[in-house]
Amino acid sequence: MDIENRIWTRTDGRQVGLSPLEVKLLDYLASRPNQYVRRSELLREVWGLSPLSKTQTIEVTVHRLRARLEVEPRSPQVLLSLHRSGYGIFLSTNAERSRVASLCER
């Protein structure tokens, strides 16, 4: 992920542009690779909303992101969800983990 230019490179090599909010969400999740982040934490830290907010903004944003980031959005491999609990970026290789770690050090 190129945060400065808001570009994500998919596993198939295709590059897609991201909105500032999408980058903020991905950056937050990428700073905690391979673990789920609670929905309430995302509402508070990314959107600045109360954790008790009754909104579908996270779900809508994740759905939009999967359509753009994942090669097969219906079978996500990177941006995963834990039913009604949270979301996370899960990376399978050491190279992917190193790439995300270097982005989070900025």
Foldseek 3Di string as FASTA:
>chain_A
DPLVQQWDQAPVRDIDHDDNLLSLVVLVQLVVEPDWDFPLCCCCPRVVHHSPDDDCVVVVSLLVCLVVHYPDSVDDDAWDADPNTGIHGYDDDPVVNVVSVVVNVD
